[in-house]
Amino acid sequence: MRRSLIIAAIVILAVPGVALAQAPAASAGSWVGAFAVLAAGFGMALAAGLCGLGQGKAIASAVDAMGRQPGAAARIQTAMIIGLALIESLAIYTLVIAIILLFVQPIK
């Protein structure tokens, strides 16, 4: 367990360094690319973490509701699945924005 945490920390800390280790372009707007990489990484990390917390809370509430009213379990499960899909869409939209930030070149 400890070894996998150390490997994960090394990968997380090394990958942005590799992305930012490229030689800067000759234009004055080259620093925008570095901030785009950081913004994409932080944005995706924040969105994924908060989506995980939201989905956990939604599932816990749905299971609690199903335990209190077993007769309404089918309706609760349907509402939970729709809610989980909407929560997950936040992470997908953030991924699209992160990909745009990473691959679209800034106007020079």
N, C-alpha and C. Protein backbone atom coordinates (compact mmCIF):
# COMPACT_ATOMS: atom_id res chain seq x y z
N MET A 1 0.83 -1.19 0.00
CA MET A 1 0.00 0.00 0.00
C MET A 1 0.87 1.25 0.00
N ARG A 2 1.87 1.24 0.86
CA ARG A 2 2.74 2.41 0.98
C ARG A 2 3.54 2.61 -0.31
N ARG A 3 3.95 1.51 -0.92
CA ARG A 3 4.74 1.61 -2.16
C ARG A 3 3.89 2.21 -3.28
N SER A 4 2.63 1.82 -3.38
CA SER A 4 1.77 2.36 -4.43
C SER A 4 1.50 3.85 -4.21
N LEU A 5 1.40 4.27 -2.96
CA LEU A 5 1.23 5.70 -2.68
C LEU A 5 2.46 6.50 -3.08
N ILE A 6 3.62 5.95 -2.83
CA ILE A 6 4.86 6.63 -3.21
C ILE A 6 4.97 6.73 -4.73
N ILE A 7 4.63 5.66 -5.43
CA ILE A 7 4.67 5.68 -6.89
C ILE A 7 3.67 6.68 -7.44
N ALA A 8 2.46 6.72 -6.86
CA ALA A 8 1.44 7.68 -7.31
C ALA A 8 1.90 9.11 -7.07
N ALA A 9 2.54 9.37 -5.94
CA ALA A 9 3.02 10.73 -5.65
C ALA A 9 4.12 11.13 -6.63
N ILE A 10 5.00 10.22 -6.96
CA ILE A 10 6.07 10.52 -7.92
C ILE A 10 5.49 10.82 -9.28
N VAL A 11 4.51 10.03 -9.72
CA VAL A 11 3.90 10.26 -11.03
C VAL A 11 3.18 11.59 -11.06
N ILE A 12 2.44 11.90 -10.00
CA ILE A 12 1.69 13.16 -9.96
C ILE A 12 2.64 14.36 -9.96
N LEU A 13 3.73 14.24 -9.25
CA LEU A 13 4.67 15.36 -9.18
C LEU A 13 5.57 15.45 -10.41
N ALA A 14 5.81 14.34 -11.08
CA ALA A 14 6.73 14.34 -12.21
C ALA A 14 6.07 14.74 -13.51
N VAL A 15 4.82 14.38 -13.71
CA VAL A 15 4.16 14.63 -15.00
C VAL A 15 4.06 16.12 -15.32
N PRO A 16 3.62 16.99 -14.40
CA PRO A 16 3.59 18.42 -14.77
C PRO A 16 4.98 18.97 -15.05
N GLY A 17 6.00 18.46 -14.36
CA GLY A 17 7.35 18.92 -14.61
C GLY A 17 7.82 18.58 -16.01
N VAL A 18 7.45 17.41 -16.48
CA VAL A 18 7.81 17.02 -17.84
C VAL A 18 7.06 17.89 -18.85
N ALA A 19 5.80 18.19 -18.57
CA ALA A 19 5.02 19.01 -19.50
C ALA A 19 5.54 20.44 -19.55
N LEU A 20 6.06 20.94 -18.45
CA LEU A 20 6.54 22.31 -18.40
C LEU A 20 8.03 22.42 -18.73
N ALA A 21 8.70 21.31 -18.97
CA ALA A 21 10.14 21.33 -19.23
C ALA A 21 10.48 21.64 -20.68
N GLN A 22 9.49 21.88 -21.51
CA GLN A 22 9.75 22.18 -22.90
C GLN A 22 10.37 23.57 -23.02
N ALA A 23 11.15 23.76 -24.08
CA ALA A 23 11.76 25.06 -24.31
C ALA A 23 10.68 26.08 -24.65
N PRO A 24 10.76 27.28 -24.09
CA PRO A 24 9.73 28.28 -24.37
C PRO A 24 9.81 28.76 -25.82
N ALA A 25 8.67 29.10 -26.35
CA ALA A 25 8.62 29.62 -27.71
C ALA A 25 9.17 31.04 -27.74
N ALA A 26 9.43 31.54 -28.93
CA ALA A 26 10.04 32.86 -29.07
C ALA A 26 9.05 33.99 -28.81
N SER A 27 7.76 33.69 -28.85
CA SER A 27 6.77 34.76 -28.69
C SER A 27 6.60 35.12 -27.22
N ALA A 28 6.02 36.28 -26.98
CA ALA A 28 5.81 36.76 -25.62
C ALA A 28 4.66 36.04 -24.94
N GLY A 29 3.77 35.38 -25.68
CA GLY A 29 2.62 34.72 -25.11
C GLY A 29 2.86 33.26 -24.78
N SER A 30 4.13 32.82 -24.67
CA SER A 30 4.41 31.41 -24.46
C SER A 30 4.05 30.95 -23.04
N TRP A 31 3.96 31.85 -22.09
CA TRP A 31 3.63 31.47 -20.73
C TRP A 31 2.18 31.04 -20.60
N VAL A 32 1.35 31.35 -21.58
CA VAL A 32 -0.06 30.97 -21.53
C VAL A 32 -0.20 29.45 -21.56
N GLY A 33 0.63 28.76 -22.32
CA GLY A 33 0.57 27.31 -22.40
C GLY A 33 0.84 26.63 -21.07
N ALA A 34 1.78 27.16 -20.32
CA ALA A 34 2.09 26.57 -19.00
C ALA A 34 0.91 26.72 -18.05
N PHE A 35 0.27 27.87 -18.07
CA PHE A 35 -0.88 28.07 -17.20
C PHE A 35 -2.08 27.27 -17.67
N ALA A 36 -2.19 27.00 -18.95
CA ALA A 36 -3.28 26.17 -19.47
C ALA A 36 -3.13 24.74 -18.97
N VAL A 37 -1.90 24.24 -18.93
CA VAL A 37 -1.66 22.88 -18.42
C VAL A 37 -2.02 22.81 -16.94
N LEU A 38 -1.60 23.79 -16.17
CA LEU A 38 -1.93 23.80 -14.74
C LEU A 38 -3.43 23.94 -14.51
N ALA A 39 -4.08 24.82 -15.27
CA ALA A 39 -5.53 25.02 -15.11
C ALA A 39 -6.29 23.75 -15.47
N ALA A 40 -5.87 23.07 -16.53
CA ALA A 40 -6.54 21.84 -16.92
C ALA A 40 -6.37 20.76 -15.84
N GLY A 41 -5.18 20.65 -15.30
CA GLY A 41 -4.93 19.64 -14.27
C GLY A 41 -5.68 19.91 -12.98
N PHE A 42 -5.60 21.14 -12.49
CA PHE A 42 -6.30 21.49 -11.26
C PHE A 42 -7.81 21.42 -11.44
N GLY A 43 -8.30 21.87 -12.59
CA GLY A 43 -9.74 21.83 -12.83
C GLY A 43 -10.28 20.41 -12.88
N MET A 44 -9.56 19.53 -13.55
CA MET A 44 -10.02 18.14 -13.65
C MET A 44 -9.93 17.45 -12.29
N ALA A 45 -8.87 17.73 -11.54
CA ALA A 45 -8.74 17.13 -10.21
C ALA A 45 -9.87 17.59 -9.29
N LEU A 46 -10.17 18.87 -9.31
CA LEU A 46 -11.23 19.42 -8.47
C LEU A 46 -12.59 18.84 -8.88
N ALA A 47 -12.86 18.80 -10.17
CA ALA A 47 -14.14 18.28 -10.65
C ALA A 47 -14.29 16.80 -10.32
N ALA A 48 -13.24 16.01 -10.52
CA ALA A 48 -13.32 14.58 -10.24
C ALA A 48 -13.52 14.32 -8.75
N GLY A 49 -12.81 15.05 -7.92
CA GLY A 49 -12.96 14.87 -6.48
C GLY A 49 -14.35 15.23 -5.98
N LEU A 50 -14.84 16.36 -6.43
CA LEU A 50 -16.17 16.79 -5.99
C LEU A 50 -17.28 15.91 -6.57
N CYS A 51 -17.09 15.41 -7.79
CA CYS A 51 -18.07 14.47 -8.35
C CYS A 51 -18.09 13.18 -7.54
N GLY A 52 -16.93 12.71 -7.13
CA GLY A 52 -16.88 11.51 -6.30
C GLY A 52 -17.59 11.69 -4.97
N LEU A 53 -17.37 12.85 -4.34
CA LEU A 53 -18.07 13.13 -3.09
C LEU A 53 -19.57 13.23 -3.29
N GLY A 54 -19.99 13.89 -4.35
CA GLY A 54 -21.41 14.03 -4.63
C GLY A 54 -22.08 12.71 -4.93
N GLN A 55 -21.39 11.86 -5.70
CA GLN A 55 -21.96 10.55 -6.01
C GLN A 55 -22.04 9.67 -4.77
N GLY A 56 -21.05 9.76 -3.92
CA GLY A 56 -21.09 8.98 -2.68
C GLY A 56 -22.24 9.40 -1.79
N LYS A 57 -22.45 10.71 -1.68
CA LYS A 57 -23.56 11.21 -0.86
C LYS A 57 -24.90 10.83 -1.47
N ALA A 58 -25.02 10.88 -2.80
CA ALA A 58 -26.27 10.52 -3.46
C ALA A 58 -26.59 9.04 -3.26
N ILE A 59 -25.59 8.19 -3.39
CA ILE A 59 -25.82 6.75 -3.22
C ILE A 59 -26.16 6.43 -1.77
N ALA A 60 -25.45 7.07 -0.83
CA ALA A 60 -25.75 6.83 0.58
C ALA A 60 -27.17 7.25 0.92
N SER A 61 -27.60 8.37 0.41
CA SER A 61 -28.97 8.83 0.67
C SER A 61 -30.00 7.91 0.02
N ALA A 62 -29.71 7.43 -1.18
CA ALA A 62 -30.65 6.53 -1.86
C ALA A 62 -30.76 5.20 -1.13
N VAL A 63 -29.65 4.67 -0.67
CA VAL A 63 -29.69 3.40 0.06
C VAL A 63 -30.44 3.57 1.38
N ASP A 64 -30.23 4.70 2.04
CA ASP A 64 -30.95 4.99 3.28
C ASP A 64 -32.46 5.09 3.01
N ALA A 65 -32.82 5.75 1.93
CA ALA A 65 -34.24 5.89 1.59
C ALA A 65 -34.85 4.54 1.23
N MET A 66 -34.08 3.70 0.51
CA MET A 66 -34.59 2.36 0.18
C MET A 66 -34.77 1.51 1.42
N GLY A 67 -33.89 1.69 2.40
CA GLY A 67 -34.03 0.95 3.66
C GLY A 67 -35.25 1.38 4.45
N ARG A 68 -35.60 2.64 4.37
CA ARG A 68 -36.77 3.15 5.10
C ARG A 68 -38.07 2.79 4.40
N GLN A 69 -38.08 2.81 3.06
CA GLN A 69 -39.29 2.51 2.28
C GLN A 69 -38.96 1.51 1.17
N PRO A 70 -38.92 0.24 1.50
CA PRO A 70 -38.57 -0.76 0.48
C PRO A 70 -39.56 -0.82 -0.68
N GLY A 71 -40.78 -0.40 -0.46
CA GLY A 71 -41.77 -0.42 -1.54
C GLY A 71 -41.47 0.58 -2.64
N ALA A 72 -40.77 1.65 -2.32
CA ALA A 72 -40.45 2.68 -3.30
C ALA A 72 -39.04 2.54 -3.85
N ALA A 73 -38.45 1.37 -3.68
CA ALA A 73 -37.04 1.17 -4.08
C ALA A 73 -36.83 1.38 -5.58
N ALA A 74 -37.80 0.95 -6.41
CA ALA A 74 -37.63 1.10 -7.86
C ALA A 74 -37.61 2.57 -8.27
N ARG A 75 -38.51 3.37 -7.69
CA ARG A 75 -38.54 4.80 -8.02
C ARG A 75 -37.30 5.52 -7.49
N ILE A 76 -36.87 5.13 -6.31
CA ILE A 76 -35.67 5.75 -5.73
C ILE A 76 -34.45 5.41 -6.57
N GLN A 77 -34.35 4.16 -7.01
CA GLN A 77 -33.21 3.74 -7.82
C GLN A 77 -33.18 4.48 -9.16
N THR A 78 -34.35 4.66 -9.76
CA THR A 78 -34.41 5.39 -11.03
C THR A 78 -33.95 6.84 -10.85
N ALA A 79 -34.45 7.48 -9.80
CA ALA A 79 -34.04 8.86 -9.53
C ALA A 79 -32.55 8.95 -9.21
N MET A 80 -32.03 7.94 -8.51
CA MET A 80 -30.60 7.94 -8.18
C MET A 80 -29.75 7.81 -9.44
N ILE A 81 -30.13 6.94 -10.35
CA ILE A 81 -29.35 6.75 -11.57
C ILE A 81 -29.37 8.01 -12.43
N ILE A 82 -30.52 8.67 -12.53
CA ILE A 82 -30.58 9.94 -13.28
C ILE A 82 -29.71 10.99 -12.60
N GLY A 83 -29.77 11.06 -11.29
CA GLY A 83 -28.92 12.01 -10.56
C GLY A 83 -27.44 11.74 -10.73
N LEU A 84 -27.06 10.46 -10.70
CA LEU A 84 -25.64 10.11 -10.90
C LEU A 84 -25.17 10.48 -12.30
N ALA A 85 -26.04 10.30 -13.29
CA ALA A 85 -25.67 10.68 -14.66
C ALA A 85 -25.45 12.19 -14.76
N LEU A 86 -26.29 12.97 -14.09
CA LEU A 86 -26.12 14.42 -14.12
C LEU A 86 -24.86 14.86 -13.38
N ILE A 87 -24.55 14.18 -12.27
CA ILE A 87 -23.32 14.50 -11.53
C ILE A 87 -22.10 14.16 -12.38
N GLU A 88 -22.14 13.01 -13.04
CA GLU A 88 -21.01 12.58 -13.86
C GLU A 88 -20.81 13.50 -15.07
N SER A 89 -21.89 14.12 -15.53
CA SER A 89 -21.76 15.03 -16.67
C SER A 89 -20.86 16.22 -16.34
N LEU A 90 -20.81 16.62 -15.07
CA LEU A 90 -19.91 17.71 -14.68
C LEU A 90 -18.46 17.33 -14.96
N ALA A 91 -18.08 16.11 -14.61
CA ALA A 91 -16.70 15.67 -14.86
C ALA A 91 -16.43 15.57 -16.36
N ILE A 92 -17.41 15.15 -17.14
CA ILE A 92 -17.22 15.05 -18.58
C ILE A 92 -17.06 16.43 -19.20
N TYR A 93 -17.88 17.40 -18.78
CA TYR A 93 -17.75 18.76 -19.29
C TYR A 93 -16.39 19.35 -18.91
N THR A 94 -15.94 19.07 -17.70
CA THR A 94 -14.62 19.57 -17.27
C THR A 94 -13.52 18.91 -18.09
N LEU A 95 -13.66 17.63 -18.42
CA LEU A 95 -12.68 16.95 -19.26
C LEU A 95 -12.62 17.58 -20.64
N VAL A 96 -13.76 17.92 -21.21
CA VAL A 96 -13.79 18.57 -22.52
C VAL A 96 -13.07 19.92 -22.46
N ILE A 97 -13.33 20.69 -21.43
CA ILE A 97 -12.66 21.99 -21.28
C ILE A 97 -11.16 21.80 -21.08
N ALA A 98 -10.76 20.79 -20.30
CA ALA A 98 -9.33 20.53 -20.09
C ALA A 98 -8.66 20.13 -21.40
N ILE A 99 -9.31 19.33 -22.21
CA ILE A 99 -8.74 18.94 -23.50
C ILE A 99 -8.62 20.15 -24.41
N ILE A 100 -9.61 21.02 -24.39
CA ILE A 100 -9.52 22.26 -25.18
C ILE A 100 -8.35 23.10 -24.71
N LEU A 101 -8.18 23.24 -23.40
CA LEU A 101 -7.06 24.02 -22.87
C LEU A 101 -5.71 23.42 -23.27
N LEU A 102 -5.62 22.11 -23.32
CA LEU A 102 -4.35 21.46 -23.61
C LEU A 102 -3.99 21.47 -25.09
N PHE A 103 -4.97 21.36 -25.96
CA PHE A 103 -4.66 21.16 -27.37
C PHE A 103 -4.93 22.33 -28.28
N VAL A 104 -5.62 23.34 -27.83
CA VAL A 104 -5.87 24.52 -28.66
C VAL A 104 -4.76 25.53 -28.39
N GLN A 105 -4.10 25.97 -29.46
CA GLN A 105 -2.99 26.90 -29.31
C GLN A 105 -3.52 28.32 -29.06
N PRO A 106 -2.87 29.06 -28.16
CA PRO A 106 -3.32 30.43 -27.90
C PRO A 106 -3.03 31.33 -29.10
N ILE A 107 -3.80 32.36 -29.22
CA ILE A 107 -3.63 33.33 -30.31
C ILE A 107 -2.38 34.13 -30.03
N LYS A 108 -1.52 34.25 -31.03
CA LYS A 108 -0.24 34.95 -30.82
C LYS A 108 -0.25 36.29 -31.51
